[in-house]
C-alpha atoms as a PDB file:
ATOM      1  CA  MET A   1     299.345 340.760 221.562  1.00  0.00           C
ATOM      2  CA  GLU A   2     295.761 341.909 222.171  1.00  0.00           C
ATOM      3  CA  LYS A   3     294.480 339.541 219.455  1.00  0.00           C
ATOM      4  CA  LEU A   4     296.439 336.688 221.023  1.00  0.00           C
ATOM      5  CA  THR A   5     294.991 337.456 224.467  1.00  0.00           C
ATOM      6  CA  VAL A   6     291.454 337.545 223.082  1.00  0.00           C
ATOM      7  CA  GLY A   7     292.093 334.272 221.233  1.00  0.00           C
ATOM      8  CA  LEU A   8     293.358 332.516 224.332  1.00  0.00           C
ATOM      9  CA  LEU A   9     290.410 333.828 226.326  1.00  0.00           C
ATOM     10  CA  LEU A  10     287.982 332.556 223.704  1.00  0.00           C
ATOM     11  CA  LEU A  11     289.717 329.165 223.714  1.00  0.00           C
ATOM     12  CA  SER A  12     289.389 328.991 227.500  1.00  0.00           C
ATOM     13  CA  VAL A  13     285.695 329.837 227.309  1.00  0.00           C
ATOM     14  CA  LEU A  14     285.074 327.208 224.632  1.00  0.00           C
ATOM     15  CA  SER A  15     287.033 324.565 226.521  1.00  0.00           C
ATOM     16  CA  GLY A  16     284.776 325.028 229.537  1.00  0.00           C
ATOM     17  CA  SER A  17     287.430 326.245 232.003  1.00  0.00           C
ATOM     18  CA  MET A  18     285.568 329.533 232.266  1.00  0.00           C
ATOM     19  CA  SER A  19     282.266 330.971 231.115  1.00  0.00           C
ATOM     20  CA  GLN A  20     281.070 334.188 229.511  1.00  0.00           C
ATOM     21  CA  THR A  21     277.476 334.756 230.462  1.00  0.00           C
ATOM     22  CA  ASP A  22     274.865 337.472 230.507  1.00  0.00           C
ATOM     23  CA  MET A  23     274.213 337.523 234.246  1.00  0.00           C
ATOM     24  CA  THR A  24     271.356 340.016 234.067  1.00  0.00           C
ATOM     25  CA  GLY A  25     268.828 339.130 236.738  1.00  0.00           C
ATOM     26  CA  LYS A  26     271.111 336.545 238.343  1.00  0.00           C
ATOM     27  CA  ALA A  27     273.226 336.328 241.489  1.00  0.00           C
ATOM     28  CA  PHE A  28     276.071 334.201 242.811  1.00  0.00           C
ATOM     29  CA  ILE A  29     275.066 332.457 246.035  1.00  0.00           C
ATOM     30  CA  PHE A  30     277.740 331.406 248.537  1.00  0.00           C
ATOM     31  CA  PRO A  31     275.637 329.080 250.721  1.00  0.00           C
ATOM     32  CA  GLN A  32     278.053 328.304 253.560  1.00  0.00           C
ATOM     33  CA  GLU A  33     281.414 329.062 255.129  1.00  0.00           C
ATOM     34  CA  SER A  34     284.232 327.655 253.042  1.00  0.00           C
ATOM     35  CA  SER A  35     287.920 328.030 252.214  1.00  0.00           C
ATOM     36  CA  THR A  36     287.372 326.622 248.724  1.00  0.00           C
ATOM     37  CA  ALA A  37     284.282 328.313 247.248  1.00  0.00           C
ATOM     38  CA  TYR A  38     284.796 331.451 245.178  1.00  0.00           C
ATOM     39  CA  VAL A  39     284.221 333.110 241.817  1.00  0.00           C
ATOM     40  CA  SER A  40     287.166 334.398 239.793  1.00  0.00           C
ATOM     41  CA  LEU A  41     286.214 337.371 237.600  1.00  0.00           C
ATOM     42  CA  ILE A  42     288.239 337.856 234.424  1.00  0.00           C
ATOM     43  CA  PRO A  43     288.475 341.451 233.176  1.00  0.00           C
ATOM     44  CA  LYS A  44     287.985 342.205 229.489  1.00  0.00           C
ATOM     45  CA  VAL A  45     291.334 344.020 229.457  1.00  0.00           C
ATOM     46  CA  ARG A  46     294.292 343.618 231.795  1.00  0.00           C
ATOM     47  CA  LYS A  47     295.975 346.957 232.354  1.00  0.00           C
ATOM     48  CA  SER A  48     297.347 349.025 235.207  1.00  0.00           C
ATOM     49  CA  LEU A  49     294.897 351.479 236.748  1.00  0.00           C
ATOM     50  CA  GLN A  50     295.328 355.157 237.531  1.00  0.00           C
ATOM     51  CA  SER A  51     291.687 355.305 238.565  1.00  0.00           C
ATOM     52  CA  PHE A  52     288.697 353.003 238.815  1.00  0.00           C
ATOM     53  CA  THR A  53     285.084 352.662 239.902  1.00  0.00           C
ATOM     54  CA  LEU A  54     283.684 349.504 241.476  1.00  0.00           C
ATOM     55  CA  CYS A  55     279.984 348.823 242.041  1.00  0.00           C
ATOM     56  CA  LEU A  56     278.200 345.741 243.314  1.00  0.00           C
ATOM     57  CA  LYS A  57     275.221 344.546 245.314  1.00  0.00           C
ATOM     58  CA  ALA A  58     275.320 342.032 248.149  1.00  0.00           C
ATOM     59  CA  PHE A  59     273.280 340.391 250.851  1.00  0.00           C
ATOM     60  CA  THR A  60     274.574 338.656 253.968  1.00  0.00           C
ATOM     61  CA  ASP A  61     273.571 338.227 257.584  1.00  0.00           C
ATOM     62  CA  LEU A  62     277.156 337.674 258.752  1.00  0.00           C
ATOM     63  CA  SER A  63     278.293 339.493 261.888  1.00  0.00           C
ATOM     64  CA  ARG A  64     281.959 338.402 261.614  1.00  0.00           C
ATOM     65  CA  PRO A  65     284.579 339.887 259.216  1.00  0.00           C
ATOM     66  CA  TYR A  66     284.239 338.993 255.542  1.00  0.00           C
ATOM     67  CA  SER A  67     285.582 339.916 252.121  1.00  0.00           C
ATOM     68  CA  ILE A  68     283.376 341.308 249.358  1.00  0.00           C
ATOM     69  CA  PHE A  69     285.870 341.984 246.530  1.00  0.00           C
ATOM     70  CA  SER A  70     289.546 340.941 246.404  1.00  0.00           C
ATOM     71  CA  TYR A  71     292.016 342.059 243.687  1.00  0.00           C
ATOM     72  CA  ASN A  72     295.619 340.844 244.076  1.00  0.00           C
ATOM     73  CA  THR A  73     298.633 340.905 241.791  1.00  0.00           C
ATOM     74  CA  ARG A  74     301.657 338.627 241.926  1.00  0.00           C
ATOM     75  CA  THR A  75     303.667 341.305 243.713  1.00  0.00           C
ATOM     76  CA  LYS A  76     301.068 343.007 245.911  1.00  0.00           C
ATOM     77  CA  ASP A  77     298.291 341.807 248.205  1.00  0.00           C
ATOM     78  CA  ASN A  78     295.178 343.940 248.550  1.00  0.00           C
ATOM     79  CA  GLU A  79     295.763 346.013 245.435  1.00  0.00           C
ATOM     80  CA  ILE A  80     292.020 346.545 245.657  1.00  0.00           C
ATOM     81  CA  LEU A  81     290.070 345.106 248.561  1.00  0.00           C
ATOM     82  CA  LEU A  82     286.576 345.748 249.862  1.00  0.00           C
ATOM     83  CA  PHE A  83     286.288 344.148 253.287  1.00  0.00           C
ATOM     84  CA  VAL A  84     283.839 344.374 256.185  1.00  0.00           C
ATOM     85  CA  GLU A  85     285.532 344.198 259.575  1.00  0.00           C
ATOM     86  CA  LYS A  86     282.258 344.483 261.480  1.00  0.00           C
ATOM     87  CA  ARG A  87     278.747 345.595 260.747  1.00  0.00           C
ATOM     88  CA  GLY A  88     278.665 349.105 259.363  1.00  0.00           C
ATOM     89  CA  GLU A  89     282.454 349.418 258.868  1.00  0.00           C
ATOM     90  CA  TYR A  90     283.684 349.015 255.310  1.00  0.00           C
ATOM     91  CA  MET A  91     287.444 348.785 254.848  1.00  0.00           C
ATOM     92  CA  PHE A  92     288.626 349.892 251.408  1.00  0.00           C
ATOM     93  CA  TYR A  93     292.219 349.140 250.344  1.00  0.00           C
ATOM     94  CA  VAL A  94     294.327 350.356 247.439  1.00  0.00           C
ATOM     95  CA  GLY A  95     297.927 349.178 247.199  1.00  0.00           C
ATOM     96  CA  ASN A  96     297.625 347.402 250.577  1.00  0.00           C
ATOM     97  CA  SER A  97     296.768 350.648 252.372  1.00  0.00           C
ATOM     98  CA  GLY A  98     293.273 351.093 253.725  1.00  0.00           C
ATOM     99  CA  VAL A  99     290.686 353.544 254.976  1.00  0.00           C
ATOM    100  CA  ILE A 100     287.437 352.877 256.836  1.00  0.00           C
ATOM    101  CA  PHE A 101     284.029 354.164 255.818  1.00  0.00           C
ATOM    102  CA  LYS A 102     281.420 353.903 258.558  1.00  0.00           C
ATOM    103  CA  ALA A 103     278.012 353.290 257.063  1.00  0.00           C
ATOM    104  CA  PRO A 104     275.550 351.570 259.398  1.00  0.00           C
ATOM    105  CA  THR A 105     273.052 349.397 257.548  1.00  0.00           C
ATOM    106  CA  ASN A 106     269.684 347.935 258.413  1.00  0.00           C
ATOM    107  CA  LEU A 107     270.610 344.281 258.268  1.00  0.00           C
ATOM    108  CA  PRO A 108     269.505 341.969 256.853  1.00  0.00           C
ATOM    109  CA  ASP A 109     268.730 344.358 253.977  1.00  0.00           C
ATOM    110  CA  PRO A 110     270.825 344.022 250.807  1.00  0.00           C
ATOM    111  CA  VAL A 111     273.378 346.758 250.073  1.00  0.00           C
ATOM    112  CA  HIS A 112     274.362 348.574 246.876  1.00  0.00           C
ATOM    113  CA  ILE A 113     278.016 349.632 247.175  1.00  0.00           C
ATOM    114  CA  CYS A 114     279.920 351.931 244.843  1.00  0.00           C
ATOM    115  CA  VAL A 115     283.460 353.135 245.417  1.00  0.00           C
ATOM    116  CA  SER A 116     285.821 355.124 243.219  1.00  0.00           C
ATOM    117  CA  TRP A 117     289.491 356.075 243.462  1.00  0.00           C
ATOM    118  CA  GLU A 118     291.846 358.264 241.443  1.00  0.00           C
ATOM    119  CA  SER A 119     295.614 358.371 241.642  1.00  0.00           C
ATOM    120  CA  GLY A 120     296.027 362.071 240.865  1.00  0.00           C
ATOM    121  CA  SER A 121     294.224 363.315 243.968  1.00  0.00           C
ATOM    122  CA  GLY A 122     294.299 360.083 245.974  1.00  0.00           C
ATOM    123  CA  ILE A 123     290.607 360.574 246.720  1.00  0.00           C
ATOM    124  CA  ALA A 124     288.500 357.506 247.464  1.00  0.00           C
ATOM    125  CA  GLU A 125     284.746 358.093 247.408  1.00  0.00           C
ATOM    126  CA  PHE A 126     282.233 355.678 248.927  1.00  0.00           C
ATOM    127  CA  TRP A 127     278.506 355.439 248.301  1.00  0.00           C
ATOM    128  CA  LEU A 128     276.019 353.098 249.956  1.00  0.00           C
ATOM    129  CA  ASN A 129     272.508 352.519 248.650  1.00  0.00           C
ATOM    130  CA  GLY A 130     272.717 355.551 246.395  1.00  0.00           C
ATOM    131  CA  LYS A 131     273.888 357.945 249.125  1.00  0.00           C
ATOM    132  CA  PRO A 132     277.396 359.366 249.682  1.00  0.00           C
ATOM    133  CA  VAL A 133     279.233 358.158 252.775  1.00  0.00           C
ATOM    134  CA  GLY A 134     282.327 360.309 252.357  1.00  0.00           C
ATOM    135  CA  ARG A 135     285.680 360.904 250.664  1.00  0.00           C
ATOM    136  CA  LYS A 136     289.112 360.070 252.057  1.00  0.00           C
ATOM    137  CA  GLY A 137     292.713 360.235 250.881  1.00  0.00           C
ATOM    138  CA  LEU A 138     294.400 356.985 249.863  1.00  0.00           C
ATOM    139  CA  LYS A 139     297.636 356.179 247.966  1.00  0.00           C
ATOM    140  CA  LYS A 140     297.979 359.449 246.059  1.00  0.00           C
ATOM    141  CA  GLY A 141     300.166 358.949 242.989  1.00  0.00           C
ATOM    142  CA  TYR A 142     299.892 355.163 243.113  1.00  0.00           C
ATOM    143  CA  THR A 143     299.318 352.836 240.149  1.00  0.00           C
ATOM    144  CA  VAL A 144     297.311 349.633 240.620  1.00  0.00           C
ATOM    145  CA  GLY A 145     298.884 346.644 238.861  1.00  0.00           C
ATOM    146  CA  GLY A 146     296.991 345.125 235.955  1.00  0.00           C
ATOM    147  CA  ASP A 147     297.938 341.427 236.022  1.00  0.00           C
ATOM    148  CA  ALA A 148     295.489 340.563 238.750  1.00  0.00           C
ATOM    149  CA  LYS A 149     293.398 337.795 240.241  1.00  0.00           C
ATOM    150  CA  ILE A 150     289.941 339.189 240.970  1.00  0.00           C
ATOM    151  CA  ILE A 151     287.931 337.079 243.396  1.00  0.00           C
ATOM    152  CA  ILE A 152     284.582 337.354 245.134  1.00  0.00           C
ATOM    153  CA  GLY A 153     283.659 335.038 247.979  1.00  0.00           C
ATOM    154  CA  GLN A 154     287.140 334.915 249.546  1.00  0.00           C
ATOM    155  CA  GLU A 155     289.956 337.227 250.652  1.00  0.00           C
ATOM    156  CA  GLN A 156     293.289 336.461 249.010  1.00  0.00           C
ATOM    157  CA  ASP A 157     296.354 336.345 251.246  1.00  0.00           C
ATOM    158  CA  SER A 158     298.422 335.420 248.205  1.00  0.00           C
ATOM    159  CA  TYR A 159     297.927 335.595 244.442  1.00  0.00           C
ATOM    160  CA  GLY A 160     294.759 333.558 243.920  1.00  0.00           C
ATOM    161  CA  GLY A 161     294.886 331.652 247.194  1.00  0.00           C
ATOM    162  CA  LYS A 162     295.553 331.274 250.946  1.00  0.00           C
ATOM    163  CA  PHE A 163     291.904 331.716 251.858  1.00  0.00           C
ATOM    164  CA  ASP A 164     290.696 331.939 255.456  1.00  0.00           C
ATOM    165  CA  VAL A 165     287.334 330.275 256.080  1.00  0.00           C
ATOM    166  CA  LYS A 166     286.587 332.875 258.775  1.00  0.00           C
ATOM    167  CA  GLN A 167     286.883 335.665 256.193  1.00  0.00           C
ATOM    168  CA  SER A 168     284.778 333.914 253.563  1.00  0.00           C
ATOM    169  CA  PHE A 169     281.594 335.509 252.299  1.00  0.00           C
ATOM    170  CA  VAL A 170     278.276 333.788 252.962  1.00  0.00           C
ATOM    171  CA  GLY A 171     275.319 335.237 251.116  1.00  0.00           C
ATOM    172  CA  GLU A 172     274.644 336.592 247.638  1.00  0.00           C
ATOM    173  CA  ILE A 173     276.534 338.951 245.301  1.00  0.00           C
ATOM    174  CA  TRP A 174     275.267 340.380 242.026  1.00  0.00           C
ATOM    175  CA  ASP A 175     275.549 343.310 239.574  1.00  0.00           C
ATOM    176  CA  VAL A 176     279.340 343.571 239.859  1.00  0.00           C
ATOM    177  CA  SER A 177     280.929 346.171 237.572  1.00  0.00           C
ATOM    178  CA  LEU A 178     284.429 347.608 237.315  1.00  0.00           C
ATOM    179  CA  TRP A 179     285.506 350.587 235.211  1.00  0.00           C
ATOM    180  CA  ASN A 180     289.050 351.837 234.549  1.00  0.00           C
ATOM    181  CA  HIS A 181     287.993 355.427 235.213  1.00  0.00           C
ATOM    182  CA  VAL A 182     285.997 357.399 237.739  1.00  0.00           C
ATOM    183  CA  VAL A 183     282.267 357.274 237.095  1.00  0.00           C
ATOM    184  CA  PRO A 184     280.295 360.071 238.805  1.00  0.00           C
ATOM    185  CA  LEU A 185     278.681 357.955 241.490  1.00  0.00           C
ATOM    186  CA  GLU A 186     275.589 360.142 241.707  1.00  0.00           C
ATOM    187  CA  LYS A 187     274.941 359.072 238.096  1.00  0.00           C
ATOM    188  CA  VAL A 188     275.367 355.343 238.737  1.00  0.00           C
ATOM    189  CA  SER A 189     271.801 354.056 238.777  1.00  0.00           C
ATOM    190  CA  ASP A 190     270.696 350.674 240.062  1.00  0.00           C
ATOM    191  CA  SER A 191     270.686 349.388 236.473  1.00  0.00           C
ATOM    192  CA  CYS A 192     274.164 350.626 235.584  1.00  0.00           C
ATOM    193  CA  ASN A 193     276.215 347.435 235.662  1.00  0.00           C
ATOM    194  CA  SER A 194     278.101 347.640 232.375  1.00  0.00           C
ATOM    195  CA  GLY A 195     281.693 348.309 233.425  1.00  0.00           C
ATOM    196  CA  ASN A 196     284.327 348.325 230.695  1.00  0.00           C
ATOM    197  CA  LEU A 197     286.567 345.925 232.673  1.00  0.00           C
ATOM    198  CA  ILE A 198     283.940 343.760 234.379  1.00  0.00           C
ATOM    199  CA  ASN A 199     280.498 343.811 232.780  1.00  0.00           C
ATOM    200  CA  TRP A 200     277.655 341.902 234.460  1.00  0.00           C
ATOM    201  CA  HIS A 201     275.842 341.690 231.111  1.00  0.00           C
ATOM    202  CA  ALA A 202     278.791 339.833 229.569  1.00  0.00           C
ATOM    203  CA  LEU A 203     280.585 338.409 232.583  1.00  0.00           C
ATOM    204  CA  ILE A 204     283.685 336.273 232.081  1.00  0.00           C
ATOM    205  CA  TYR A 205     284.191 334.138 235.158  1.00  0.00           C
ATOM    206  CA  GLU A 206     285.198 330.818 236.649  1.00  0.00           C
ATOM    207  CA  ASP A 207     283.497 329.418 239.745  1.00  0.00           C
ATOM    208  CA  LYS A 208     285.061 326.982 242.181  1.00  0.00           C
ATOM    209  CA  GLY A 209     283.584 324.912 244.992  1.00  0.00           C
ATOM    210  CA  TYR A 210     280.087 325.313 246.379  1.00  0.00           C
ATOM    211  CA  VAL A 211     278.803 328.349 244.468  1.00  0.00           C
ATOM    212  CA  VAL A 212     275.283 328.433 243.023  1.00  0.00           C
ATOM    213  CA  THR A 213     273.846 330.752 240.365  1.00  0.00           C
ATOM    214  CA  LYS A 214     270.171 331.614 240.791  1.00  0.00           C
ATOM    215  CA  PRO A 215     267.771 334.413 239.810  1.00  0.00           C
ATOM    216  CA  LYS A 216     268.339 337.363 242.118  1.00  0.00           C
ATOM    217  CA  LEU A 217     265.814 338.057 244.886  1.00  0.00           C
ATOM    218  CA  TRP A 218     266.322 341.825 245.046  1.00  0.00           C
ATOM    219  CA  THR A 219     266.584 344.574 242.443  1.00  0.00           C
END
């Protein structure tokens, strides 16, 4: 089954429906509000998660709510969601339950976000720009589904769709990585973007609508 999955993925890449690219030094730019522009990230392996670590970097000057990272399965919205309700308030969801981490930022500076979660303890840990923001309890004992749509640029209200233009991301996102285990966040350096599920150095993705890839402006 794994060989078949890899074969189908390779066929999709070769047919041009998706790309596998070394994105080192590059960023996805979402130039304007939209309900159609997004990037779908395809993990190297699809499997349920008992723990994970997500890191990414982003820049925006939005003051309204917006989505940064949206992971939905066919049966559950907001399996993993990183969402900003207002400046300095990051909402982190697992299994459609959320907690808020308050981390005021000096906009319009870019941000480096890392968050981890583990089922056994239910602890979610949030770091911003290399500094811990805190740890909170979330969905202890839960298992995140593996057959997911992973989207940046929009917030999914259904599996792969039902986007709200007023929750769309406008700005730049880069260095996205996802691991299927907890990475000690104090050891995640600015250059550590080689997740075993989503790897920025070998990113498998499909972009839709008005999304532009350019060299990144910030480290």
